[in-house]
Amino acid sequence: MNIRSLSIALATCLLVAACSQKAPPASTPVPPPTQSAKPVVAAKPAPLPPQAEAREATTPSLAKDHSKIRYRVYGKGEPTLVFIHGWSCDSGYWDQQLNELAQFYTVVTLDLAGHGRSQGKKTRKDWSMANFGSDVAAVVKAVGAPRVILVGHSMGGPVALEAARQLKGKVIGIVGVDSLRDIATPFPKETTDPLLASMRQDFAKATADLVEKKFFTDKTDPIVKKWIIKDMSQAPSKVAIPALEGLLAMDYQAALADLDLPIVAINSDPPPTDEAAIRRIEPRFRVVRIAGTGHFLMLERPAAVNAALQSVAKAWSGLETKTP
């Protein structure tokens, strides 16, 4: 596999674009001058809906380093949807899912260690998917959610698998968002070394080039595209590179063999997801395809992603957790 093929696979399956706590800027039309002689009184802004008022807290990770993990809770209702961001990203990536889904469910977002507001003074040494899974497990236990659906974008999908292994008796299903695409055929080390080498030499340039060329379609909003490229390329390389190494070392077959859960992947199409190969490992694996979008489905097609998530959550709401 050459570096271009590897980059495409990583872009659509494993890597994740950086995001920020704030949504990208949007233009606002300016209203015409009023013709009334009466003074104009600014309308009082409508209060935020209850689900938009986050309850924010931190909790120590269940990993050995006990990194402080920042999380937010929105809305109420069961099951609880826990949103896991991906590589070099943060919880703000899910902003367009919050209000709609929090009308029906408890929604939780978090920043994995080394990301967003979970960048403490202590530096994690082991950036494995298992340790990221421990971050998620700590938040679920802190929230006290009895029945959970884990939703992970890109790298967040593998993290969800590892979190579920630590949360047996609480998780009823896992949703990947543009994730879990080629988990039946992991990448051999000799093909990943060139990409890692380019990132070690100049992380910002290598990452910006990869993201710009492989993560978008010609329909992607240019403002969103520019924002993501900048954010991702500015991620701390001391976190991003070992996290990517941890991702590439993920043992999917061991994780799936240890779980007894339904898994759905909401993926862009094209490229295709190797559904048949994955079903040989996990027969209940299913794909929901959203055409005409890039890697960032929740930003480019939020309505479609939200509808798919609601459909899955409704279908799984009657499922019981598996007793460990």
Protein backbone atom coordinates (compact mmCIF):
# COMPACT_ATOMS: atom_id res chain seq x y z
CA MET A 1 0.00 0.00 0.00
CA ASN A 2 1.50 3.35 -1.00
CA ILE A 3 1.31 6.49 1.12
CA ARG A 4 -1.55 7.91 -0.94
CA SER A 5 -3.67 4.79 -0.43
CA LEU A 6 -2.81 4.73 3.24
CA SER A 7 -3.79 8.38 3.59
CA ILE A 8 -7.17 7.78 1.95
CA ALA A 9 -7.89 4.85 4.22
CA LEU A 10 -6.86 6.73 7.32
CA ALA A 11 -8.85 9.77 6.27
CA THR A 12 -12.11 7.92 5.82
CA CYS A 13 -11.75 5.27 8.48
CA LEU A 14 -9.50 6.07 11.33
CA LEU A 15 -8.24 9.62 11.59
CA VAL A 16 -10.40 12.44 12.64
CA ALA A 17 -10.24 16.07 11.95
CA ALA A 18 -9.54 18.51 14.69
CA CYS A 19 -12.40 20.55 15.90
CA SER A 20 -12.82 23.40 18.32
CA GLN A 21 -15.11 24.37 21.12
CA LYS A 22 -16.68 27.00 18.87
CA ALA A 23 -18.51 26.38 15.65
CA PRO A 24 -17.01 27.95 12.51
CA PRO A 25 -18.16 31.47 11.76
CA ALA A 26 -21.27 32.04 9.71
CA SER A 27 -22.35 35.17 7.87
CA THR A 28 -25.40 37.06 9.16
CA PRO A 29 -27.52 39.16 6.80
CA VAL A 30 -27.91 42.82 7.75
CA PRO A 31 -31.56 43.98 7.86
CA PRO A 32 -32.55 47.13 5.94
CA PRO A 33 -33.00 50.39 7.90
CA THR A 34 -36.37 50.76 9.60
CA GLN A 35 -38.84 53.25 8.13
CA SER A 36 -40.65 53.77 11.43
CA ALA A 37 -40.25 57.04 13.32
CA LYS A 38 -40.61 55.21 16.61
CA PRO A 39 -37.48 54.13 18.44
CA VAL A 40 -36.48 50.55 17.75
CA VAL A 41 -36.38 48.37 20.86
CA ALA A 42 -34.19 45.29 20.62
CA ALA A 43 -36.12 42.11 21.18
CA LYS A 44 -35.22 40.19 24.29
CA PRO A 45 -33.43 37.01 23.20
CA ALA A 46 -35.39 33.85 23.76
CA PRO A 47 -34.09 31.75 26.66
CA LEU A 48 -32.04 28.74 25.77
CA PRO A 49 -33.96 25.48 25.79
CA PRO A 50 -33.27 23.41 28.91
CA GLN A 51 -31.24 20.87 26.97
CA ALA A 52 -28.78 23.58 25.89
CA GLU A 53 -27.84 24.44 29.46
CA ALA A 54 -24.94 22.11 30.09
CA ARG A 55 -24.06 20.67 33.47
CA GLU A 56 -20.27 20.69 33.34
CA ALA A 57 -17.84 18.80 35.56
CA THR A 58 -14.53 16.93 35.60
CA THR A 59 -13.63 13.46 36.78
CA PRO A 60 -10.36 11.51 36.98
CA SER A 61 -9.80 8.97 34.25
CA LEU A 62 -9.83 5.32 35.19
CA ALA A 63 -6.44 5.06 33.44
CA LYS A 64 -3.41 4.79 35.72
CA ASP A 65 -2.45 8.43 35.10
CA HIS A 66 -5.83 9.64 36.45
CA SER A 67 -5.95 12.48 33.93
CA LYS A 68 -8.70 15.01 34.63
CA ILE A 69 -11.48 14.54 32.07
CA ARG A 70 -13.86 17.39 31.38
CA TYR A 71 -17.42 16.47 30.38
CA ARG A 72 -20.84 18.03 29.91
CA VAL A 73 -24.35 16.64 30.38
CA TYR A 74 -27.40 17.88 28.45
CA GLY A 75 -31.10 17.08 28.61
CA LYS A 76 -32.64 14.07 30.29
CA GLY A 77 -34.11 10.73 29.41
CA GLU A 78 -32.85 7.24 28.72
CA PRO A 79 -30.84 5.72 27.26
CA THR A 80 -27.90 8.08 27.65
CA LEU A 81 -25.99 8.96 24.46
CA VAL A 82 -22.27 9.46 25.08
CA PHE A 83 -20.48 11.27 22.24
CA ILE A 84 -16.77 10.55 21.76
CA HIS A 85 -14.72 12.81 19.51
CA GLY A 86 -11.86 11.63 17.37
CA TRP A 87 -8.18 12.24 16.75
CA SER A 88 -7.01 15.80 17.53
CA CYS A 89 -10.57 16.93 18.15
CA ASP A 90 -12.72 17.85 21.14
CA SER A 91 -16.29 17.69 22.39
CA GLY A 92 -17.33 20.83 20.50
CA TYR A 93 -17.35 18.74 17.37
CA TRP A 94 -20.80 17.43 18.36
CA ASP A 95 -22.45 20.82 18.90
CA GLN A 96 -24.94 20.33 16.08
CA GLN A 97 -26.27 17.14 17.65
CA LEU A 98 -26.91 18.46 21.16
CA ASN A 99 -30.23 20.32 21.17
CA GLU A 100 -32.09 17.95 18.89
CA LEU A 101 -31.09 14.75 20.65
CA ALA A 102 -31.21 16.18 24.17
CA GLN A 103 -34.95 16.73 23.72
CA PHE A 104 -35.39 12.97 24.07
CA TYR A 105 -32.27 11.56 25.74
CA THR A 106 -29.55 12.42 28.21
CA VAL A 107 -26.60 13.52 26.09
CA VAL A 108 -23.01 13.51 27.33
CA THR A 109 -19.94 14.94 25.60
CA LEU A 110 -16.38 14.78 26.84
CA ASP A 111 -12.84 15.78 25.98
CA LEU A 112 -10.47 12.83 25.93
CA ALA A 113 -7.18 13.26 27.78
CA GLY A 114 -4.84 15.66 25.96
CA HIS A 115 -7.72 17.20 24.00
CA GLY A 116 -9.89 20.27 24.48
CA ARG A 117 -10.26 21.18 28.13
CA SER A 118 -8.79 17.88 29.32
CA GLN A 119 -5.24 19.08 28.74
CA GLY A 120 -3.93 18.98 32.29
CA LYS A 121 -0.46 19.73 33.59
CA LYS A 122 0.34 16.04 33.85
CA THR A 123 1.17 14.51 30.48
CA ARG A 124 -0.14 11.05 29.71
CA LYS A 125 2.57 8.63 28.66
CA ASP A 126 0.41 5.86 27.18
CA TRP A 127 -1.97 7.13 24.48
CA SER A 128 -3.54 3.75 23.75
CA MET A 129 -7.17 3.29 22.75
CA ALA A 130 -7.64 1.38 26.02
CA ASN A 131 -6.59 4.44 28.03
CA PHE A 132 -8.88 6.68 26.02
CA GLY A 133 -11.59 4.11 26.71
CA SER A 134 -10.82 4.54 30.40
CA ASP A 135 -11.52 8.27 30.02
CA VAL A 136 -14.98 7.49 28.64
CA ALA A 137 -15.67 4.82 31.25
CA ALA A 138 -14.83 7.28 34.03
CA VAL A 139 -17.32 9.82 32.68
CA VAL A 140 -20.11 7.25 32.31
CA LYS A 141 -19.61 6.14 35.89
CA ALA A 142 -19.44 9.73 37.14
CA VAL A 143 -22.72 10.58 35.40
CA GLY A 144 -24.33 7.44 36.81
CA ALA A 145 -25.96 6.46 33.54
CA PRO A 146 -27.43 2.95 33.80
CA ARG A 147 -28.00 2.34 30.07
CA VAL A 148 -25.63 3.87 27.53
CA ILE A 149 -25.16 4.10 23.77
CA LEU A 150 -21.59 5.04 22.86
CA VAL A 151 -21.26 7.21 19.73
CA GLY A 152 -17.75 7.69 18.36
CA HIS A 153 -16.54 9.65 15.35
CA SER A 154 -13.49 8.30 13.50
CA MET A 155 -10.95 7.37 16.20
CA GLY A 156 -13.84 7.68 18.64
CA GLY A 157 -15.25 4.44 17.21
CA PRO A 158 -12.30 2.30 18.38
CA VAL A 159 -12.31 4.24 21.66
CA ALA A 160 -15.99 3.30 22.08
CA LEU A 161 -15.11 -0.38 21.65
CA GLU A 162 -12.48 -0.13 24.38
CA ALA A 163 -14.80 1.85 26.66
CA ALA A 164 -17.52 -0.77 26.23
CA ARG A 165 -15.09 -3.46 27.38
CA GLN A 166 -14.76 -1.52 30.65
CA LEU A 167 -18.47 -0.77 31.00
CA LYS A 168 -20.04 -4.19 30.76
CA GLY A 169 -23.52 -4.12 32.20
CA LYS A 170 -24.08 -0.50 31.09
CA VAL A 171 -23.65 -0.32 27.29
CA ILE A 172 -26.51 -1.43 25.04
CA GLY A 173 -24.89 -0.59 21.69
CA ILE A 174 -22.13 1.23 19.81
CA VAL A 175 -22.46 3.69 16.92
CA GLY A 176 -19.51 4.69 14.76
CA VAL A 177 -19.73 7.89 12.73
CA ASP A 178 -17.48 7.63 9.67
CA SER A 179 -15.62 5.01 11.62
CA LEU A 180 -15.06 1.25 11.93
CA ARG A 181 -14.80 1.07 8.14
CA ASP A 182 -11.90 -1.35 7.64
CA ILE A 183 -11.52 -2.94 11.05
CA ALA A 184 -11.37 -6.42 9.53
CA THR A 185 -8.13 -5.55 7.68
CA PRO A 186 -5.73 -3.61 9.94
CA PHE A 187 -2.81 -1.79 8.32
CA PRO A 188 0.61 -3.48 8.40
CA LYS A 189 3.32 -1.50 10.14
CA GLU A 190 5.52 -1.13 7.07
CA THR A 191 2.84 0.91 5.31
CA THR A 192 2.15 3.27 8.21
CA ASP A 193 5.75 4.20 9.01
CA PRO A 194 6.12 6.71 6.12
CA LEU A 195 3.07 8.70 7.24
CA LEU A 196 4.24 8.76 10.84
CA ALA A 197 7.73 9.80 9.71
CA SER A 198 6.33 12.77 7.77
CA MET A 199 4.36 13.85 10.84
CA ARG A 200 7.42 13.62 13.06
CA GLN A 201 9.36 15.78 10.62
CA ASP A 202 6.72 18.50 10.25
CA PHE A 203 3.46 17.63 11.95
CA ALA A 204 1.55 20.77 11.01
CA LYS A 205 2.38 20.55 7.29
CA ALA A 206 1.88 16.79 6.99
CA THR A 207 -1.44 16.93 8.79
CA ALA A 208 -2.74 19.97 6.91
CA ASP A 209 -1.83 18.37 3.57
CA LEU A 210 -3.52 15.09 4.48
CA VAL A 211 -6.69 16.71 5.76
CA GLU A 212 -7.05 19.15 2.87
CA LYS A 213 -6.62 16.50 0.20
CA LYS A 214 -8.49 13.57 1.68
CA PHE A 215 -11.16 14.63 4.16
CA PHE A 216 -13.54 16.73 2.08
CA THR A 217 -15.69 16.75 -1.03
CA ASP A 218 -16.24 19.56 -3.51
CA LYS A 219 -19.52 20.27 -1.67
CA THR A 220 -17.88 20.99 1.68
CA ASP A 221 -18.43 24.53 2.96
CA PRO A 222 -15.07 26.28 2.40
CA ILE A 223 -15.32 28.04 5.77
CA VAL A 224 -15.79 24.74 7.57
CA LYS A 225 -12.97 23.20 5.54
CA LYS A 226 -10.52 25.99 6.35
CA TRP A 227 -11.44 25.91 10.02
CA ILE A 228 -10.91 22.15 10.35
CA ILE A 229 -7.60 22.15 8.47
CA LYS A 230 -6.24 24.86 10.72
CA ASP A 231 -7.52 23.29 13.91
CA MET A 232 -6.25 19.81 13.13
CA SER A 233 -2.81 20.94 12.00
CA GLN A 234 -2.41 22.90 15.24
CA ALA A 235 -3.04 19.90 17.48
CA PRO A 236 -0.18 19.09 19.89
CA SER A 237 2.07 16.62 18.11
CA LYS A 238 3.20 15.14 21.44
CA VAL A 239 -0.37 13.88 21.83
CA ALA A 240 -1.42 13.36 18.21
CA ILE A 241 1.46 11.19 17.00
CA PRO A 242 1.45 8.66 19.87
CA ALA A 243 -2.36 8.61 19.75
CA LEU A 244 -2.16 7.68 16.06
CA GLU A 245 0.36 4.98 16.93
CA GLY A 246 -2.05 3.70 19.56
CA LEU A 247 -4.86 3.68 17.02
CA LEU A 248 -2.81 1.71 14.52
CA ALA A 249 -1.98 -0.82 17.25
CA MET A 250 -5.66 -1.44 18.06
CA ASP A 251 -6.62 -5.14 18.14
CA TYR A 252 -10.17 -5.02 16.78
CA GLN A 253 -10.77 -8.75 16.73
CA ALA A 254 -9.89 -9.06 20.42
CA ALA A 255 -12.19 -6.14 21.27
CA LEU A 256 -15.10 -7.50 19.26
CA ALA A 257 -14.63 -11.01 20.68
CA ASP A 258 -14.91 -9.51 24.17
CA LEU A 259 -18.18 -7.72 23.43
CA ASP A 260 -21.75 -8.86 22.91
CA LEU A 261 -23.31 -5.70 21.51
CA PRO A 262 -24.99 -4.45 18.33
CA ILE A 263 -22.80 -2.08 16.30
CA VAL A 264 -23.93 0.39 13.63
CA ALA A 265 -21.65 2.56 11.49
CA ILE A 266 -23.10 5.78 10.05
CA ASN A 267 -20.58 6.30 7.25
CA SER A 268 -20.07 8.51 4.24
CA ASP A 269 -20.52 6.79 0.90
CA PRO A 270 -18.27 6.52 -1.06
CA PRO A 271 -15.83 5.02 -0.17
CA PRO A 272 -17.47 1.70 0.73
CA THR A 273 -17.39 0.07 4.15
CA ASP A 274 -16.20 -3.55 4.10
CA GLU A 275 -19.45 -4.70 5.69
CA ALA A 276 -19.23 -8.35 4.63
CA ALA A 277 -15.75 -8.82 6.09
CA ILE A 278 -16.72 -7.14 9.35
CA ARG A 279 -19.86 -9.27 9.66
CA ARG A 280 -17.68 -12.36 9.63
CA ILE A 281 -16.24 -11.04 12.90
CA GLU A 282 -19.42 -9.40 14.24
CA PRO A 283 -22.59 -10.70 12.50
CA ARG A 284 -24.80 -7.89 13.86
CA PHE A 285 -22.68 -5.12 12.33
CA ARG A 286 -24.72 -2.82 10.08
CA VAL A 287 -23.99 0.30 8.02
CA VAL A 288 -26.13 3.41 7.46
CA ARG A 289 -24.76 5.19 4.39
CA ILE A 290 -24.94 8.96 3.92
CA ALA A 291 -23.93 9.90 0.40
CA GLY A 292 -22.30 13.07 -0.86
CA THR A 293 -20.33 14.11 2.19
CA GLY A 294 -16.82 14.01 3.53
CA HIS A 295 -15.38 12.69 6.77
CA PHE A 296 -17.24 15.20 8.96
CA LEU A 297 -20.81 14.00 8.58
CA MET A 298 -22.05 15.67 11.73
CA LEU A 299 -20.95 19.08 10.42
CA GLU A 300 -21.82 18.69 6.75
CA ARG A 301 -25.08 16.73 7.10
CA PRO A 302 -26.21 17.22 10.71
CA ALA A 303 -29.89 16.62 9.99
CA ALA A 304 -29.17 13.28 8.33
CA VAL A 305 -26.82 12.20 11.11
CA ASN A 306 -29.28 13.26 13.81
CA ALA A 307 -32.10 11.35 12.12
CA ALA A 308 -29.94 8.23 11.87
CA LEU A 309 -28.91 8.51 15.52
CA GLN A 310 -32.52 8.95 16.64
CA SER A 311 -33.56 5.91 14.61
CA VAL A 312 -30.85 3.77 16.17
CA ALA A 313 -31.52 5.04 19.70
CA LYS A 314 -35.25 4.36 19.30
CA ALA A 315 -34.60 0.84 18.01
CA TRP A 316 -32.21 0.09 20.87
CA SER A 317 -34.13 1.83 23.66
CA GLY A 318 -35.83 -1.42 24.66
CA LEU A 319 -32.62 -3.43 24.80
CA GLU A 320 -31.33 -4.62 28.14
CA THR A 321 -27.73 -4.32 29.16
CA LYS A 322 -25.67 -7.49 29.27
CA THR A 323 -24.74 -8.65 32.75
CA PRO A 324 -20.95 -9.07 32.96
